Amino acid sequence: MFPEQPGQEGRLDLDSAEWDDIHVVTGALKLFLRELPQPLVPSPLLPDFRAALALLESEQRLSQIRELIVSLPKPNHDTLRYLLEHLCRVIAHSDKNRMTPHNLGIVFGPTLFRPEQETSDPAAHALYPGQLVQLMLTDFTSLFP
């Protein structure tokens, strides 16, 4: 997995058969996102994202979420955009991989929209992160012009 050459300690051999299993790659990506010192979407913004998602009017909901995305620190914004753009490409093959916006929301929602500390009621946090990721994927071009 890791190269033997000196000076190459931090480099992975992605041509290794170990990385052929998409579950390994996805697990590594989710672990990376979970292990970030700060969540990709800062915890103080979670109530604002939740409130925006609850808006009944579609255009207002998208506008609020777009504003929240723009307010993210640039590295967070760019990483979120790149990740969601990649997931949109995954969705393009959902007929083969069964990774629909809904399923990707379930997989990545809790990782991207995680509270700073565990809540006493995990069910309260369980639903809306997936819905947010699903919305961000289905309306990607509107949210990331």
Protein backbone atom coordinates (compact mmCIF):
# COMPACT_ATOMS: atom_id res chain seq x y z
CA MET A 1 0.00 0.00 0.00
CA PHE A 2 2.71 2.50 0.99
CA PRO A 3 5.79 2.94 -1.21
CA GLU A 4 9.11 1.65 0.06
CA GLN A 5 11.21 4.50 -1.37
CA PRO A 6 12.67 7.04 1.06
CA GLY A 7 10.99 10.42 0.92
CA GLN A 8 7.74 8.90 -0.34
CA GLU A 9 6.32 7.99 3.08
CA GLY A 10 3.17 10.09 2.71
CA ARG A 11 2.24 8.82 -0.75
CA LEU A 12 -0.26 6.06 -1.46
CA ASP A 13 -0.08 3.66 -4.36
CA LEU A 14 -3.63 4.04 -5.66
CA ASP A 15 -2.91 1.49 -8.40
CA SER A 16 -2.71 -1.17 -5.70
CA ALA A 17 -5.44 -3.84 -5.85
CA GLU A 18 -6.36 -2.82 -2.30
CA TRP A 19 -8.11 0.27 -3.70
CA ASP A 20 -10.19 -1.68 -6.26
CA ASP A 21 -12.96 -2.14 -3.70
CA ILE A 22 -15.12 0.98 -3.84
CA HIS A 23 -16.22 0.37 -0.25
CA VAL A 24 -12.63 0.75 0.93
CA VAL A 25 -12.26 4.05 -0.94
CA THR A 26 -15.61 5.35 0.31
CA GLY A 27 -14.81 4.29 3.86
CA ALA A 28 -11.45 6.07 3.67
CA LEU A 29 -13.14 9.24 2.38
CA LYS A 30 -15.78 9.18 5.12
CA LEU A 31 -13.11 8.52 7.75
CA PHE A 32 -11.07 11.46 6.46
CA LEU A 33 -14.11 13.74 6.67
CA ARG A 34 -15.00 12.49 10.17
CA GLU A 35 -11.44 12.94 11.42
CA LEU A 36 -11.13 16.56 10.31
CA PRO A 37 -10.44 18.78 13.34
CA GLN A 38 -13.48 20.86 12.37
CA PRO A 39 -16.46 19.49 10.41
CA LEU A 40 -16.61 20.45 6.73
CA VAL A 41 -19.82 22.31 7.52
CA PRO A 42 -19.08 24.22 10.75
CA SER A 43 -21.32 23.17 13.63
CA PRO A 44 -22.55 26.72 14.40
CA LEU A 45 -24.21 26.77 10.95
CA LEU A 46 -26.19 23.55 11.48
CA PRO A 47 -29.28 25.27 12.97
CA ASP A 48 -29.31 27.70 10.03
CA PHE A 49 -29.12 24.85 7.50
CA ARG A 50 -31.86 23.01 9.36
CA ALA A 51 -34.10 26.12 9.37
CA ALA A 52 -33.47 26.70 5.66
CA LEU A 53 -34.38 23.11 4.86
CA ALA A 54 -37.68 23.56 6.73
CA LEU A 55 -38.77 26.48 4.53
CA LEU A 56 -41.83 25.54 2.49
CA GLU A 57 -41.17 27.70 -0.57
CA SER A 58 -38.64 25.97 -2.82
CA GLU A 59 -36.93 29.11 -4.18
CA GLN A 60 -36.63 30.61 -0.71
CA ARG A 61 -35.21 27.33 0.62
CA LEU A 62 -32.60 27.17 -2.18
CA SER A 63 -31.73 30.84 -1.75
CA GLN A 64 -31.13 30.43 2.00
CA ILE A 65 -29.03 27.31 1.51
CA ARG A 66 -27.05 29.02 -1.26
CA GLU A 67 -26.30 31.93 1.11
CA LEU A 68 -25.17 29.51 3.81
CA ILE A 69 -22.90 27.69 1.36
CA VAL A 70 -21.37 30.99 0.23
CA SER A 71 -20.74 31.89 3.89
CA LEU A 72 -18.56 28.82 4.43
CA PRO A 73 -14.82 29.40 4.76
CA LYS A 74 -13.25 29.13 1.29
CA PRO A 75 -11.44 25.81 1.91
CA ASN A 76 -14.66 24.28 3.28
CA HIS A 77 -16.73 25.69 0.42
CA ASP A 78 -14.32 24.45 -2.24
CA THR A 79 -14.01 21.00 -0.67
CA LEU A 80 -17.79 20.67 -0.34
CA ARG A 81 -18.27 21.75 -3.94
CA TYR A 82 -15.65 19.30 -5.22
CA LEU A 83 -17.09 16.43 -3.18
CA LEU A 84 -20.67 17.11 -4.25
CA GLU A 85 -19.58 17.52 -7.87
CA HIS A 86 -17.96 14.09 -7.68
CA LEU A 87 -21.08 12.61 -6.07
CA CYS A 88 -23.14 14.05 -8.94
CA ARG A 89 -20.95 11.99 -11.28
CA VAL A 90 -21.61 8.95 -9.09
CA ILE A 91 -25.36 9.62 -9.41
CA ALA A 92 -25.02 9.65 -13.20
CA HIS A 93 -24.33 5.90 -12.91
CA SER A 94 -27.05 5.15 -10.35
CA ASP A 95 -28.61 2.59 -12.69
CA LYS A 96 -25.51 0.44 -12.07
CA ASN A 97 -24.35 1.48 -8.59
CA ARG A 98 -27.74 2.26 -6.95
CA MET A 99 -26.28 5.46 -5.54
CA THR A 100 -29.20 7.86 -5.90
CA PRO A 101 -29.26 11.33 -4.30
CA HIS A 102 -31.32 9.82 -1.48
CA ASN A 103 -28.84 7.00 -0.84
CA LEU A 104 -25.83 9.32 -0.99
CA GLY A 105 -27.62 11.62 1.45
CA ILE A 106 -27.95 8.73 3.89
CA VAL A 107 -24.27 7.81 3.45
CA PHE A 108 -22.69 11.28 3.54
CA GLY A 109 -25.22 13.46 5.42
CA PRO A 110 -24.19 12.54 8.97
CA THR A 111 -20.52 12.94 8.04
CA LEU A 112 -20.86 16.37 6.40
CA PHE A 113 -23.40 17.81 8.84
CA ARG A 114 -22.17 16.51 12.18
CA PRO A 115 -22.68 18.32 15.46
CA GLU A 116 -19.56 19.37 17.34
CA GLN A 117 -20.52 17.08 20.19
CA GLU A 118 -22.87 14.14 20.29
CA THR A 119 -26.42 15.10 21.19
CA SER A 120 -28.50 13.32 23.81
CA ASP A 121 -31.08 12.62 21.10
CA PRO A 122 -29.30 11.25 18.02
CA ALA A 123 -32.65 10.75 16.26
CA ALA A 124 -33.13 14.53 16.25
CA HIS A 125 -30.01 14.86 14.12
CA ALA A 126 -30.51 11.75 11.98
CA LEU A 127 -32.93 12.90 9.28
CA TYR A 128 -32.08 16.39 8.09
CA PRO A 129 -28.39 15.88 7.16
CA GLY A 130 -29.39 13.28 4.58
CA GLN A 131 -32.13 15.53 3.25
CA LEU A 132 -29.66 18.42 2.95
CA VAL A 133 -27.13 16.36 1.01
CA GLN A 134 -29.91 15.03 -1.21
CA LEU A 135 -31.10 18.57 -1.94
CA MET A 136 -27.54 19.79 -2.57
CA LEU A 137 -27.04 16.99 -5.08
CA THR A 138 -30.33 17.40 -6.92
CA ASP A 139 -29.94 21.20 -7.05
CA PHE A 140 -26.15 21.29 -7.37
CA THR A 141 -26.03 23.65 -10.37
CA SER A 142 -28.36 26.10 -8.64
CA LEU A 143 -26.48 26.03 -5.34
CA PHE A 144 -22.99 26.15 -6.86
CA PRO A 145 -23.37 28.42 -9.92
